[in-house]
Amino acid sequence: MVKKKYLLLIIAGLVVLVLIVALAIYKHSPKIEEIRAAKIAIQSAKEAGAEEYAPQRIKIARNNLLKAQKSRKKEEAKSLALQAKGDAEIAEFLAKRAQKLKEKAK
């Protein structure tokens, strides 16, 4: 009876420890909303033709996104992801503008 009681205490302690570690890992993960938003913005820019009309800007956006994903510091990751999103939005704008100018030239 005493062994079962200690065994249950040990199991409960291990469960609590696992939950604390899991929470710590989740809390410090740089996989944040800004990274998802940057991915969406880059995809939108790509669909708008940014690879053809704004290749440097979309490259910068992708590089910043990659740095954000690799960063272990949450604030740094957030800042890089926001930069990536902004660069992707500029690339999309430039691509759309270039396409309009191309259509007008015809």
Protein backbone atom coordinates (compact mmCIF):
# COMPACT_ATOMS: atom_id res chain seq x y z
CA MET A 1 0.00 0.00 0.00
CA VAL A 2 2.81 2.38 0.90
CA LYS A 3 4.67 1.52 -2.33
CA LYS A 4 1.58 2.36 -4.41
CA LYS A 5 1.27 5.70 -2.67
CA TYR A 6 4.91 6.61 -3.42
CA LEU A 7 4.58 5.34 -6.97
CA LEU A 8 1.54 7.56 -7.53
CA LEU A 9 3.41 10.54 -6.08
CA ILE A 10 6.37 9.91 -8.36
CA ILE A 11 4.11 9.58 -11.42
CA ALA A 12 2.22 12.76 -10.50
CA GLY A 13 5.51 14.60 -10.04
CA LEU A 14 6.76 13.43 -13.43
CA VAL A 15 3.53 14.53 -15.10
CA VAL A 16 3.84 17.98 -13.55
CA LEU A 17 7.49 18.19 -14.62
CA VAL A 18 6.63 17.23 -18.21
CA LEU A 19 3.87 19.86 -18.30
CA ILE A 20 6.21 22.56 -17.01
CA VAL A 21 8.87 21.69 -19.59
CA ALA A 22 6.29 21.61 -22.40
CA LEU A 23 4.92 25.00 -21.36
CA ALA A 24 8.43 26.48 -21.21
CA ILE A 25 9.24 25.21 -24.69
CA TYR A 26 5.95 26.52 -26.09
CA LYS A 27 6.32 29.91 -24.42
CA HIS A 28 9.85 30.48 -25.76
CA SER A 29 9.15 29.21 -29.27
CA PRO A 30 9.63 31.94 -31.88
CA LYS A 31 6.85 30.41 -33.98
CA ILE A 32 4.61 33.39 -33.55
CA GLU A 33 1.73 34.99 -35.39
CA GLU A 34 4.05 37.43 -37.14
CA ILE A 35 5.87 34.54 -38.84
CA ARG A 36 2.59 33.17 -40.18
CA ALA A 37 1.62 36.64 -41.41
CA ALA A 38 4.99 37.02 -43.16
CA LYS A 39 4.56 33.65 -44.88
CA ILE A 40 1.12 34.69 -46.13
CA ALA A 41 2.46 38.05 -47.37
CA ILE A 42 5.34 36.37 -49.20
CA GLN A 43 2.97 33.91 -50.86
CA SER A 44 0.68 36.76 -51.91
CA ALA A 45 3.63 38.68 -53.37
CA LYS A 46 4.76 35.60 -55.23
CA GLU A 47 1.29 35.15 -56.72
CA ALA A 48 1.33 38.81 -57.77
CA GLY A 49 4.52 38.25 -59.77
CA ALA A 50 7.08 39.61 -57.33
CA GLU A 51 9.69 37.06 -58.39
CA GLU A 52 9.67 38.58 -61.84
CA TYR A 53 8.98 42.26 -61.09
CA ALA A 54 10.56 42.72 -57.62
CA PRO A 55 13.08 39.89 -57.21
CA GLN A 56 15.41 41.73 -54.82
CA ARG A 57 12.62 42.80 -52.48
CA ILE A 58 11.05 39.33 -52.30
CA LYS A 59 14.51 37.85 -51.70
CA ILE A 60 15.01 40.21 -48.76
CA ALA A 61 11.60 39.23 -47.40
CA ARG A 62 12.44 35.53 -47.63
CA ASN A 63 15.83 36.03 -45.97
CA ASN A 64 14.24 37.93 -43.08
CA LEU A 65 11.61 35.23 -42.70
CA LEU A 66 14.30 32.56 -42.60
CA LYS A 67 16.22 34.50 -39.96
CA ALA A 68 13.01 34.91 -37.93
CA GLN A 69 12.33 31.19 -38.07
CA LYS A 70 15.86 30.38 -36.92
CA SER A 71 15.98 32.98 -34.16
CA ARG A 72 15.81 31.74 -30.58
CA LYS A 73 14.92 35.20 -29.27
CA LYS A 74 11.21 35.87 -29.47
CA GLU A 75 11.48 39.66 -29.87
CA GLU A 76 14.14 39.33 -32.55
CA ALA A 77 12.03 36.76 -34.38
CA LYS A 78 9.01 39.03 -34.16
CA SER A 79 10.95 42.02 -35.50
CA LEU A 80 12.43 40.04 -38.39
CA ALA A 81 9.04 38.58 -39.27
CA LEU A 82 7.50 42.04 -39.33
CA GLN A 83 10.31 43.22 -41.62
CA ALA A 84 9.73 40.22 -43.87
CA LYS A 85 6.01 40.97 -44.04
CA GLY A 86 6.68 44.62 -44.89
CA ASP A 87 9.18 43.71 -47.60
CA ALA A 88 6.75 41.19 -49.07
CA GLU A 89 3.99 43.79 -49.14
CA ILE A 90 6.31 46.22 -50.94
CA ALA A 91 7.28 43.48 -53.40
CA GLU A 92 3.62 42.76 -54.08
CA PHE A 93 2.90 46.45 -54.64
CA LEU A 94 5.85 46.81 -57.00
CA ALA A 95 4.83 43.71 -58.94
CA LYS A 96 1.25 44.89 -59.36
CA ARG A 97 2.39 48.36 -60.38
CA ALA A 98 4.85 46.95 -62.92
CA GLN A 99 2.14 44.75 -64.41
CA LYS A 100 -0.22 47.73 -64.75
CA LEU A 101 2.50 49.80 -66.43
CA LYS A 102 3.24 46.92 -68.76
CA GLU A 103 -0.43 46.65 -69.71
CA LYS A 104 -0.66 50.39 -70.35
CA ALA A 105 2.39 50.27 -72.60
CA LYS A 106 0.67 47.77 -74.90
